[in-house]
Amino acid sequence: MAIEAGTEEEQLMLGQWIKKGQKLIVGTSALGESYLDPNVERKDDVAKKAEDYVAFDHKVAAELPHLKGRFRWDLEKYYRDRFGPYLPSD
């Protein structure tokens, strides 16, 4: 079921997406379009984070369809404009 724009659920999910994608190469894709490039070698801990992020990215795109296809810089601005500069705590 889709989450509506401007809700606390949107804030939490988008905030988690922003945090999970930080410092990951796959985190530079548009929302819902991340993938694991088999030609890129990753250390075990980074590989697990990347796999988790890709799965979460696809889930977020399904639950926030109004944001699907937008890039990180745009979504970070969207988040700041609506919810302020602080990301939710884990």
N, C-alpha and C. Protein backbone atom coordinates (compact mmCIF):
# COMPACT_ATOMS: atom_id res chain seq x y z
N MET A 1 0.83 -1.17 0.00
CA MET A 1 0.00 0.00 0.00
C MET A 1 0.89 1.25 0.00
N ALA A 2 0.56 2.22 -0.78
CA ALA A 2 1.36 3.43 -0.92
C ALA A 2 1.22 4.32 0.31
N ILE A 3 2.32 4.94 0.67
CA ILE A 3 2.36 5.89 1.77
C ILE A 3 2.12 7.29 1.18
N GLU A 4 1.30 8.07 1.84
CA GLU A 4 0.96 9.40 1.34
C GLU A 4 2.08 10.40 1.61
N ALA A 5 2.18 11.39 0.72
CA ALA A 5 3.17 12.46 0.85
C ALA A 5 2.88 13.30 2.09
N GLY A 6 3.95 13.71 2.76
CA GLY A 6 3.83 14.61 3.90
C GLY A 6 3.53 13.95 5.22
N THR A 7 3.41 12.63 5.23
CA THR A 7 3.08 11.93 6.47
C THR A 7 4.34 11.55 7.25
N GLU A 8 4.14 11.20 8.51
CA GLU A 8 5.25 10.76 9.35
C GLU A 8 5.87 9.47 8.78
N GLU A 9 5.03 8.61 8.20
CA GLU A 9 5.53 7.37 7.60
C GLU A 9 6.47 7.68 6.43
N GLU A 10 6.10 8.69 5.63
CA GLU A 10 6.98 9.09 4.53
C GLU A 10 8.30 9.61 5.08
N GLN A 11 8.23 10.45 6.11
CA GLN A 11 9.44 10.99 6.71
C GLN A 11 10.36 9.89 7.20
N LEU A 12 9.82 8.92 7.90
CA LEU A 12 10.64 7.83 8.44
C LEU A 12 11.26 6.98 7.33
N MET A 13 10.44 6.60 6.35
CA MET A 13 10.94 5.73 5.29
C MET A 13 11.98 6.45 4.43
N LEU A 14 11.71 7.69 4.03
CA LEU A 14 12.65 8.43 3.21
C LEU A 14 13.93 8.73 3.98
N GLY A 15 13.81 9.05 5.26
CA GLY A 15 14.98 9.28 6.09
C GLY A 15 15.86 8.04 6.18
N GLN A 16 15.24 6.88 6.35
CA GLN A 16 15.99 5.63 6.38
C GLN A 16 16.68 5.37 5.05
N TRP A 17 15.98 5.65 3.95
CA TRP A 17 16.55 5.45 2.62
C TRP A 17 17.78 6.33 2.43
N ILE A 18 17.70 7.58 2.84
CA ILE A 18 18.83 8.51 2.72
C ILE A 18 20.01 7.99 3.53
N LYS A 19 19.75 7.59 4.77
CA LYS A 19 20.83 7.11 5.64
C LYS A 19 21.48 5.84 5.11
N LYS A 20 20.66 4.89 4.66
CA LYS A 20 21.20 3.61 4.18
C LYS A 20 22.06 3.78 2.93
N GLY A 21 21.75 4.75 2.10
CA GLY A 21 22.48 4.94 0.85
C GLY A 21 23.74 5.76 0.95
N GLN A 22 23.97 6.36 2.11
CA GLN A 22 25.16 7.18 2.28
C GLN A 22 26.42 6.33 2.15
N LYS A 23 27.36 6.81 1.38
CA LYS A 23 28.67 6.18 1.18
C LYS A 23 28.60 4.83 0.45
N LEU A 24 27.50 4.57 -0.25
CA LEU A 24 27.40 3.35 -1.06
C LEU A 24 27.32 3.74 -2.53
N ILE A 25 28.06 3.06 -3.35
CA ILE A 25 28.04 3.35 -4.79
C ILE A 25 26.65 3.13 -5.37
N VAL A 26 25.91 2.14 -4.90
CA VAL A 26 24.57 1.88 -5.41
C VAL A 26 23.59 2.97 -4.98
N GLY A 27 23.98 3.76 -3.97
CA GLY A 27 23.13 4.81 -3.46
C GLY A 27 23.04 6.03 -4.35
N THR A 28 23.69 6.00 -5.50
CA THR A 28 23.66 7.15 -6.40
C THR A 28 22.61 7.00 -7.50
N SER A 29 21.95 5.88 -7.54
CA SER A 29 20.90 5.66 -8.54
C SER A 29 19.62 6.36 -8.11
N ALA A 30 18.74 6.59 -9.05
CA ALA A 30 17.43 7.16 -8.73
C ALA A 30 16.65 6.17 -7.87
N LEU A 31 15.71 6.69 -7.09
CA LEU A 31 14.91 5.85 -6.21
C LEU A 31 14.21 4.75 -7.00
N GLY A 32 14.46 3.51 -6.58
CA GLY A 32 13.85 2.35 -7.22
C GLY A 32 14.66 1.75 -8.35
N GLU A 33 15.79 2.39 -8.70
CA GLU A 33 16.56 1.93 -9.85
C GLU A 33 17.96 1.43 -9.48
N SER A 34 18.24 1.25 -8.20
CA SER A 34 19.57 0.77 -7.82
C SER A 34 19.71 -0.71 -8.15
N TYR A 35 20.94 -1.11 -8.39
CA TYR A 35 21.22 -2.51 -8.70
C TYR A 35 22.67 -2.79 -8.33
N LEU A 36 23.01 -4.06 -8.22
CA LEU A 36 24.37 -4.47 -7.91
C LEU A 36 25.09 -4.82 -9.20
N ASP A 37 26.13 -4.10 -9.50
CA ASP A 37 26.93 -4.36 -10.68
C ASP A 37 27.86 -5.54 -10.38
N PRO A 38 27.73 -6.64 -11.11
CA PRO A 38 28.56 -7.81 -10.83
C PRO A 38 30.04 -7.59 -11.13
N ASN A 39 30.38 -6.53 -11.83
CA ASN A 39 31.77 -6.23 -12.14
C ASN A 39 32.48 -5.47 -11.03
N VAL A 40 31.76 -5.07 -10.01
CA VAL A 40 32.34 -4.32 -8.89
C VAL A 40 32.55 -5.28 -7.73
N GLU A 41 33.81 -5.34 -7.26
CA GLU A 41 34.12 -6.17 -6.10
C GLU A 41 33.91 -5.35 -4.84
N ARG A 42 33.27 -5.96 -3.84
CA ARG A 42 33.03 -5.29 -2.57
C ARG A 42 33.50 -6.20 -1.44
N LYS A 43 34.01 -5.58 -0.39
CA LYS A 43 34.35 -6.35 0.80
C LYS A 43 33.05 -6.90 1.37
N ASP A 44 33.16 -7.96 2.16
CA ASP A 44 31.97 -8.64 2.69
C ASP A 44 31.00 -7.70 3.39
N ASP A 45 31.51 -6.82 4.27
CA ASP A 45 30.62 -5.93 5.02
C ASP A 45 29.94 -4.91 4.10
N VAL A 46 30.67 -4.41 3.12
CA VAL A 46 30.10 -3.45 2.17
C VAL A 46 29.13 -4.16 1.23
N ALA A 47 29.45 -5.38 0.83
CA ALA A 47 28.57 -6.15 -0.05
C ALA A 47 27.21 -6.37 0.62
N LYS A 48 27.22 -6.71 1.89
CA LYS A 48 25.96 -6.95 2.63
C LYS A 48 25.16 -5.65 2.72
N LYS A 49 25.82 -4.53 3.02
CA LYS A 49 25.14 -3.24 3.10
C LYS A 49 24.54 -2.86 1.74
N ALA A 50 25.29 -3.13 0.67
CA ALA A 50 24.81 -2.81 -0.69
C ALA A 50 23.60 -3.66 -1.05
N GLU A 51 23.65 -4.95 -0.74
CA GLU A 51 22.52 -5.84 -1.02
C GLU A 51 21.28 -5.41 -0.25
N ASP A 52 21.47 -5.08 1.03
CA ASP A 52 20.35 -4.62 1.86
C ASP A 52 19.78 -3.32 1.31
N TYR A 53 20.66 -2.43 0.89
CA TYR A 53 20.21 -1.14 0.36
C TYR A 53 19.38 -1.33 -0.91
N VAL A 54 19.85 -2.16 -1.83
CA VAL A 54 19.13 -2.37 -3.09
C VAL A 54 17.72 -2.90 -2.81
N ALA A 55 17.62 -3.87 -1.92
CA ALA A 55 16.30 -4.42 -1.58
C ALA A 55 15.42 -3.33 -0.95
N PHE A 56 16.00 -2.54 -0.04
CA PHE A 56 15.23 -1.48 0.61
C PHE A 56 14.85 -0.39 -0.39
N ASP A 57 15.74 -0.07 -1.31
CA ASP A 57 15.48 0.93 -2.35
C ASP A 57 14.24 0.54 -3.16
N HIS A 58 14.16 -0.69 -3.55
CA HIS A 58 13.01 -1.16 -4.33
C HIS A 58 11.72 -1.14 -3.50
N LYS A 59 11.84 -1.48 -2.22
CA LYS A 59 10.67 -1.44 -1.32
C LYS A 59 10.19 0.00 -1.16
N VAL A 60 11.11 0.93 -0.94
CA VAL A 60 10.74 2.34 -0.76
C VAL A 60 10.06 2.88 -2.02
N ALA A 61 10.59 2.54 -3.18
CA ALA A 61 9.99 3.00 -4.44
C ALA A 61 8.56 2.49 -4.58
N ALA A 62 8.31 1.27 -4.12
CA ALA A 62 6.95 0.72 -4.20
C ALA A 62 6.01 1.41 -3.22
N GLU A 63 6.53 1.77 -2.05
CA GLU A 63 5.69 2.39 -1.03
C GLU A 63 5.58 3.90 -1.16
N LEU A 64 6.53 4.51 -1.86
CA LEU A 64 6.50 5.96 -2.11
C LEU A 64 6.53 6.21 -3.62
N PRO A 65 5.51 5.77 -4.35
CA PRO A 65 5.55 5.88 -5.81
C PRO A 65 5.62 7.32 -6.32
N HIS A 66 5.19 8.27 -5.51
CA HIS A 66 5.26 9.68 -5.92
C HIS A 66 6.70 10.20 -5.95
N LEU A 67 7.64 9.44 -5.40
CA LEU A 67 9.05 9.84 -5.39
C LEU A 67 9.93 8.97 -6.29
N LYS A 68 9.37 7.90 -6.81
CA LYS A 68 10.13 6.96 -7.62
C LYS A 68 10.77 7.67 -8.82
N GLY A 69 12.04 7.33 -9.07
CA GLY A 69 12.76 7.87 -10.22
C GLY A 69 13.49 9.18 -9.94
N ARG A 70 13.30 9.73 -8.75
CA ARG A 70 14.00 10.97 -8.40
C ARG A 70 15.36 10.63 -7.81
N PHE A 71 16.34 11.49 -8.03
CA PHE A 71 17.70 11.23 -7.57
C PHE A 71 17.93 11.70 -6.14
N ARG A 72 18.98 11.16 -5.54
CA ARG A 72 19.31 11.41 -4.13
C ARG A 72 19.35 12.90 -3.80
N TRP A 73 20.05 13.70 -4.59
CA TRP A 73 20.18 15.12 -4.28
C TRP A 73 18.80 15.78 -4.22
N ASP A 74 17.91 15.39 -5.12
CA ASP A 74 16.56 15.94 -5.17
C ASP A 74 15.74 15.47 -3.97
N LEU A 75 15.89 14.21 -3.60
CA LEU A 75 15.14 13.67 -2.48
C LEU A 75 15.67 14.20 -1.14
N GLU A 76 16.96 14.46 -1.05
CA GLU A 76 17.49 15.06 0.17
C GLU A 76 16.94 16.47 0.34
N LYS A 77 16.84 17.22 -0.76
CA LYS A 77 16.25 18.57 -0.72
C LYS A 77 14.76 18.47 -0.38
N TYR A 78 14.06 17.54 -1.00
CA TYR A 78 12.64 17.30 -0.71
C TYR A 78 12.46 17.04 0.78
N TYR A 79 13.31 16.18 1.33
CA TYR A 79 13.23 15.84 2.74
C TYR A 79 13.45 17.07 3.61
N ARG A 80 14.53 17.80 3.35
CA ARG A 80 14.85 19.00 4.14
C ARG A 80 13.72 20.03 4.08
N ASP A 81 13.18 20.25 2.89
CA ASP A 81 12.12 21.25 2.71
C ASP A 81 10.85 20.89 3.49
N ARG A 82 10.56 19.61 3.64
CA ARG A 82 9.33 19.19 4.30
C ARG A 82 9.49 18.83 5.77
N PHE A 83 10.63 18.24 6.10
CA PHE A 83 10.78 17.67 7.44
C PHE A 83 11.93 18.28 8.24
N GLY A 84 12.72 19.15 7.64
CA GLY A 84 13.83 19.77 8.36
C GLY A 84 15.15 19.07 8.08
N PRO A 85 16.22 19.57 8.69
CA PRO A 85 17.56 19.08 8.37
C PRO A 85 17.96 17.78 9.04
N TYR A 86 17.18 17.30 10.00
CA TYR A 86 17.61 16.13 10.78
C TYR A 86 16.93 14.86 10.30
N LEU A 87 17.75 13.83 10.10
CA LEU A 87 17.21 12.52 9.72
C LEU A 87 16.71 11.81 10.97
N PRO A 88 15.73 10.93 10.83
CA PRO A 88 15.23 10.21 12.00
C PRO A 88 16.31 9.29 12.58
N SER A 89 16.26 9.09 13.89
CA SER A 89 17.21 8.16 14.50
C SER A 89 16.74 6.74 14.24
N ASP A 90 17.68 5.82 14.32
CA ASP A 90 17.36 4.41 14.03
C ASP A 90 16.50 3.76 15.07
